[in-house]
Amino acid sequence: MQALMTEELAEGLPPLYATEGEGDPVALVHYFSCLNGWDWYLTEYDPETGEAFGLVRGFETEWGYFSIHEMEQLNCSRGFNAVERDEHFEPTRASALEGRR
């Protein structure tokens, strides 16, 4: 199964609250689910807790927290990747993502 978060990737991510004052932060990692069509665009990450913050596009498009560890557990419990990391995603300003579907 694909690793949703690697040590190398985690080392380059801003910690939680690091981009809090930015008006248009950069989404650095994109996760998606083929099961429900949701997207998560990570802007900050805490490697100790697995907690992430970013733009979430699900029922609504909103900023919020999500758990990479919970996504990984979901993948393991299902035996397939319910959530995947977009390995071809290029860092993108949030303003360019908010209206995109």
N, C-alpha and C. Protein backbone atom coordinates (compact mmCIF):
# COMPACT_ATOMS: atom_id res chain seq x y z
N MET A 1 0.83 -1.19 0.00
CA MET A 1 0.00 0.00 0.00
C MET A 1 0.87 1.25 0.00
N GLN A 2 0.34 2.29 -0.56
CA GLN A 2 1.05 3.57 -0.64
C GLN A 2 1.11 4.23 0.74
N ALA A 3 2.26 4.80 1.08
CA ALA A 3 2.39 5.54 2.33
C ALA A 3 1.76 6.92 2.14
N LEU A 4 0.84 7.27 3.03
CA LEU A 4 0.22 8.58 2.94
C LEU A 4 1.16 9.69 3.40
N MET A 5 2.05 9.34 4.34
CA MET A 5 3.02 10.32 4.82
C MET A 5 4.35 9.61 5.01
N THR A 6 5.37 10.11 4.35
CA THR A 6 6.71 9.57 4.52
C THR A 6 7.50 10.49 5.44
N GLU A 7 8.57 9.98 6.01
CA GLU A 7 9.42 10.82 6.87
C GLU A 7 9.97 12.00 6.08
N GLU A 8 10.40 11.72 4.86
CA GLU A 8 10.96 12.77 4.01
C GLU A 8 9.94 13.87 3.73
N LEU A 9 8.72 13.48 3.43
CA LEU A 9 7.66 14.45 3.17
C LEU A 9 7.34 15.25 4.43
N ALA A 10 7.22 14.57 5.56
CA ALA A 10 6.87 15.22 6.83
C ALA A 10 7.91 16.26 7.24
N GLU A 11 9.17 15.99 6.96
CA GLU A 11 10.25 16.92 7.35
C GLU A 11 10.12 18.27 6.65
N GLY A 12 9.54 18.31 5.47
CA GLY A 12 9.44 19.55 4.72
C GLY A 12 8.15 20.32 4.92
N LEU A 13 7.28 19.84 5.81
CA LEU A 13 5.98 20.49 6.00
C LEU A 13 5.99 21.45 7.19
N PRO A 14 5.28 22.58 7.07
CA PRO A 14 5.19 23.50 8.20
C PRO A 14 4.41 22.86 9.35
N PRO A 15 4.80 23.18 10.58
CA PRO A 15 4.06 22.66 11.73
C PRO A 15 2.68 23.32 11.83
N LEU A 16 1.80 22.71 12.64
CA LEU A 16 0.48 23.30 12.85
C LEU A 16 0.60 24.75 13.30
N TYR A 17 -0.26 25.60 12.79
CA TYR A 17 -0.37 27.03 13.09
C TYR A 17 0.70 27.89 12.42
N ALA A 18 1.62 27.29 11.68
CA ALA A 18 2.71 28.05 11.06
C ALA A 18 2.22 28.99 9.96
N THR A 19 1.14 28.66 9.29
CA THR A 19 0.65 29.51 8.20
C THR A 19 -0.63 30.24 8.59
N GLU A 20 -0.92 30.27 9.89
CA GLU A 20 -2.17 30.85 10.40
C GLU A 20 -2.40 32.28 9.93
N GLY A 21 -1.37 33.08 9.85
CA GLY A 21 -1.53 34.48 9.47
C GLY A 21 -1.51 34.74 7.96
N GLU A 22 -1.26 33.71 7.19
CA GLU A 22 -1.19 33.88 5.74
C GLU A 22 -2.59 33.96 5.14
N GLY A 23 -2.77 34.90 4.27
CA GLY A 23 -4.07 35.04 3.61
C GLY A 23 -4.32 33.99 2.54
N ASP A 24 -3.26 33.48 1.95
CA ASP A 24 -3.40 32.51 0.86
C ASP A 24 -2.28 31.46 0.97
N PRO A 25 -2.40 30.54 1.95
CA PRO A 25 -1.33 29.56 2.15
C PRO A 25 -1.20 28.59 0.98
N VAL A 26 -0.09 27.90 0.95
CA VAL A 26 0.18 26.94 -0.11
C VAL A 26 -0.22 25.54 0.37
N ALA A 27 -1.02 24.87 -0.44
CA ALA A 27 -1.32 23.46 -0.21
C ALA A 27 -0.13 22.66 -0.72
N LEU A 28 0.44 21.83 0.14
CA LEU A 28 1.68 21.13 -0.20
C LEU A 28 1.46 19.66 -0.56
N VAL A 29 0.38 19.07 -0.05
CA VAL A 29 0.09 17.67 -0.30
C VAL A 29 -1.40 17.54 -0.59
N HIS A 30 -1.75 16.68 -1.52
CA HIS A 30 -3.16 16.44 -1.88
C HIS A 30 -3.49 14.97 -1.64
N TYR A 31 -4.56 14.74 -0.88
CA TYR A 31 -5.10 13.40 -0.68
C TYR A 31 -6.49 13.35 -1.30
N PHE A 32 -6.90 12.18 -1.75
CA PHE A 32 -8.22 12.05 -2.35
C PHE A 32 -8.77 10.66 -2.07
N SER A 33 -10.08 10.55 -2.14
CA SER A 33 -10.75 9.27 -1.97
C SER A 33 -11.60 8.98 -3.19
N CYS A 34 -11.38 7.83 -3.77
CA CYS A 34 -12.21 7.39 -4.90
C CYS A 34 -13.56 6.88 -4.40
N LEU A 35 -13.66 6.59 -3.10
CA LEU A 35 -14.92 6.08 -2.54
C LEU A 35 -15.98 7.15 -2.39
N ASN A 36 -15.57 8.32 -1.92
CA ASN A 36 -16.57 9.36 -1.65
C ASN A 36 -16.32 10.67 -2.40
N GLY A 37 -15.23 10.75 -3.15
CA GLY A 37 -14.93 11.96 -3.92
C GLY A 37 -14.37 13.11 -3.12
N TRP A 38 -14.00 12.88 -1.87
CA TRP A 38 -13.44 13.94 -1.04
C TRP A 38 -11.98 14.21 -1.41
N ASP A 39 -11.55 15.46 -1.14
CA ASP A 39 -10.17 15.89 -1.32
C ASP A 39 -9.70 16.61 -0.06
N TRP A 40 -8.46 16.38 0.30
CA TRP A 40 -7.82 17.07 1.43
C TRP A 40 -6.54 17.69 0.92
N TYR A 41 -6.37 18.99 1.12
CA TYR A 41 -5.17 19.72 0.69
C TYR A 41 -4.43 20.19 1.93
N LEU A 42 -3.34 19.55 2.25
CA LEU A 42 -2.60 19.78 3.49
C LEU A 42 -1.72 21.03 3.38
N THR A 43 -1.82 21.89 4.39
CA THR A 43 -0.95 23.07 4.47
C THR A 43 -0.02 23.02 5.69
N GLU A 44 -0.42 22.26 6.74
CA GLU A 44 0.37 22.16 7.98
C GLU A 44 0.25 20.74 8.52
N TYR A 45 1.28 20.32 9.28
CA TYR A 45 1.28 18.94 9.76
C TYR A 45 2.06 18.80 11.06
N ASP A 46 1.56 17.96 11.97
CA ASP A 46 2.25 17.61 13.20
C ASP A 46 2.65 16.13 13.10
N PRO A 47 3.93 15.83 12.89
CA PRO A 47 4.34 14.44 12.70
C PRO A 47 4.16 13.56 13.94
N GLU A 48 4.14 14.16 15.12
CA GLU A 48 3.96 13.36 16.34
C GLU A 48 2.54 12.84 16.49
N THR A 49 1.56 13.66 16.16
CA THR A 49 0.16 13.26 16.35
C THR A 49 -0.50 12.78 15.05
N GLY A 50 0.10 13.13 13.91
CA GLY A 50 -0.51 12.80 12.63
C GLY A 50 -1.61 13.75 12.24
N GLU A 51 -1.79 14.80 13.05
CA GLU A 51 -2.83 15.80 12.80
C GLU A 51 -2.37 16.74 11.69
N ALA A 52 -3.29 17.03 10.77
CA ALA A 52 -2.99 17.92 9.65
C ALA A 52 -4.06 19.01 9.59
N PHE A 53 -3.72 20.09 8.91
CA PHE A 53 -4.66 21.18 8.70
C PHE A 53 -4.59 21.56 7.23
N GLY A 54 -5.75 21.90 6.68
CA GLY A 54 -5.76 22.34 5.30
C GLY A 54 -7.17 22.50 4.77
N LEU A 55 -7.26 22.62 3.49
CA LEU A 55 -8.54 22.79 2.80
C LEU A 55 -9.13 21.41 2.55
N VAL A 56 -10.39 21.24 2.99
CA VAL A 56 -11.09 19.97 2.83
C VAL A 56 -12.27 20.20 1.91
N ARG A 57 -12.34 19.38 0.88
CA ARG A 57 -13.46 19.47 -0.05
C ARG A 57 -14.24 18.17 0.06
N GLY A 58 -15.38 18.25 0.77
CA GLY A 58 -16.25 17.09 0.95
C GLY A 58 -17.67 17.49 0.67
N PHE A 59 -18.52 17.44 1.71
CA PHE A 59 -19.88 17.94 1.55
C PHE A 59 -19.85 19.44 1.28
N GLU A 60 -18.91 20.12 1.91
CA GLU A 60 -18.66 21.55 1.73
C GLU A 60 -17.17 21.72 1.49
N THR A 61 -16.77 22.88 1.03
CA THR A 61 -15.35 23.22 0.94
C THR A 61 -15.05 24.13 2.11
N GLU A 62 -14.17 23.65 3.01
CA GLU A 62 -13.88 24.40 4.22
C GLU A 62 -12.48 24.06 4.73
N TRP A 63 -11.97 24.94 5.57
CA TRP A 63 -10.69 24.72 6.23
C TRP A 63 -10.93 23.90 7.48
N GLY A 64 -10.03 22.95 7.76
CA GLY A 64 -10.21 22.16 8.96
C GLY A 64 -9.05 21.22 9.21
N TYR A 65 -9.18 20.49 10.32
CA TYR A 65 -8.18 19.52 10.74
C TYR A 65 -8.60 18.13 10.29
N PHE A 66 -7.61 17.31 9.97
CA PHE A 66 -7.87 15.91 9.63
C PHE A 66 -6.66 15.08 10.06
N SER A 67 -6.89 13.80 10.25
CA SER A 67 -5.87 12.92 10.79
C SER A 67 -5.31 11.99 9.71
N ILE A 68 -4.03 12.12 9.47
CA ILE A 68 -3.36 11.22 8.53
C ILE A 68 -3.34 9.80 9.11
N HIS A 69 -3.14 9.68 10.42
CA HIS A 69 -3.14 8.36 11.06
C HIS A 69 -4.49 7.66 10.86
N GLU A 70 -5.58 8.39 11.00
CA GLU A 70 -6.90 7.77 10.80
C GLU A 70 -7.10 7.34 9.35
N MET A 71 -6.59 8.13 8.42
CA MET A 71 -6.67 7.74 7.01
C MET A 71 -5.88 6.46 6.76
N GLU A 72 -4.69 6.37 7.37
CA GLU A 72 -3.87 5.16 7.22
C GLU A 72 -4.55 3.95 7.84
N GLN A 73 -5.18 4.13 9.00
CA GLN A 73 -5.90 3.02 9.64
C GLN A 73 -7.07 2.57 8.79
N LEU A 74 -7.76 3.50 8.18
CA LEU A 74 -8.87 3.17 7.29
C LEU A 74 -8.37 2.33 6.12
N ASN A 75 -7.25 2.71 5.56
CA ASN A 75 -6.68 1.94 4.45
C ASN A 75 -6.33 0.52 4.88
N CYS A 76 -5.73 0.37 6.06
CA CYS A 76 -5.33 -0.96 6.55
C CYS A 76 -6.55 -1.82 6.86
N SER A 77 -7.58 -1.24 7.43
CA SER A 77 -8.76 -2.01 7.81
C SER A 77 -9.56 -2.47 6.61
N ARG A 78 -9.46 -1.75 5.52
CA ARG A 78 -10.22 -2.10 4.31
C ARG A 78 -9.45 -3.05 3.40
N GLY A 79 -8.13 -3.08 3.54
CA GLY A 79 -7.33 -3.93 2.68
C GLY A 79 -7.02 -3.30 1.33
N PHE A 80 -7.46 -2.08 1.13
CA PHE A 80 -7.14 -1.33 -0.08
C PHE A 80 -7.09 0.14 0.29
N ASN A 81 -6.59 0.96 -0.61
CA ASN A 81 -6.45 2.39 -0.31
C ASN A 81 -7.77 3.12 -0.51
N ALA A 82 -8.45 3.40 0.59
CA ALA A 82 -9.66 4.22 0.55
C ALA A 82 -9.28 5.68 0.34
N VAL A 83 -8.10 6.06 0.84
CA VAL A 83 -7.55 7.40 0.67
C VAL A 83 -6.17 7.24 0.06
N GLU A 84 -5.87 8.07 -0.93
CA GLU A 84 -4.56 8.01 -1.59
C GLU A 84 -3.93 9.39 -1.62
N ARG A 85 -2.60 9.38 -1.71
CA ARG A 85 -1.85 10.63 -1.87
C ARG A 85 -1.60 10.84 -3.35
N ASP A 86 -1.87 12.03 -3.81
CA ASP A 86 -1.63 12.39 -5.22
C ASP A 86 -0.13 12.63 -5.39
N GLU A 87 0.56 11.67 -5.95
CA GLU A 87 2.01 11.76 -6.08
C GLU A 87 2.46 12.76 -7.15
N HIS A 88 1.52 13.26 -7.95
CA HIS A 88 1.86 14.21 -9.01
C HIS A 88 1.42 15.63 -8.69
N PHE A 89 0.90 15.84 -7.48
CA PHE A 89 0.41 17.16 -7.09
C PHE A 89 1.57 18.12 -6.92
N GLU A 90 1.42 19.30 -7.46
CA GLU A 90 2.41 20.37 -7.30
C GLU A 90 1.87 21.37 -6.28
N PRO A 91 2.71 21.87 -5.37
CA PRO A 91 2.24 22.86 -4.40
C PRO A 91 1.47 23.98 -5.09
N THR A 92 0.32 24.31 -4.52
CA THR A 92 -0.60 25.26 -5.15
C THR A 92 -1.21 26.17 -4.10
N ARG A 93 -1.34 27.44 -4.41
CA ARG A 93 -2.00 28.38 -3.51
C ARG A 93 -3.46 27.96 -3.30
N ALA A 94 -3.92 28.10 -2.08
CA ALA A 94 -5.29 27.68 -1.74
C ALA A 94 -6.34 28.40 -2.59
N SER A 95 -6.09 29.66 -2.92
CA SER A 95 -7.06 30.42 -3.70
C SER A 95 -7.30 29.77 -5.06
N ALA A 96 -6.32 29.08 -5.59
CA ALA A 96 -6.47 28.40 -6.88
C ALA A 96 -7.25 27.11 -6.74
N LEU A 97 -7.38 26.60 -5.51
CA LEU A 97 -8.06 25.32 -5.27
C LEU A 97 -9.49 25.47 -4.80
N GLU A 98 -9.80 26.58 -4.14
CA GLU A 98 -11.10 26.72 -3.49
C GLU A 98 -12.27 26.60 -4.45
N GLY A 99 -12.14 27.10 -5.67
CA GLY A 99 -13.24 27.03 -6.60
C GLY A 99 -13.13 25.88 -7.59
N ARG A 100 -12.02 25.16 -7.54
CA ARG A 100 -11.75 24.08 -8.51
C ARG A 100 -12.43 22.79 -8.07
N ARG A 101 -12.95 22.07 -9.01
CA ARG A 101 -13.54 20.77 -8.72
C ARG A 101 -12.96 19.72 -9.60
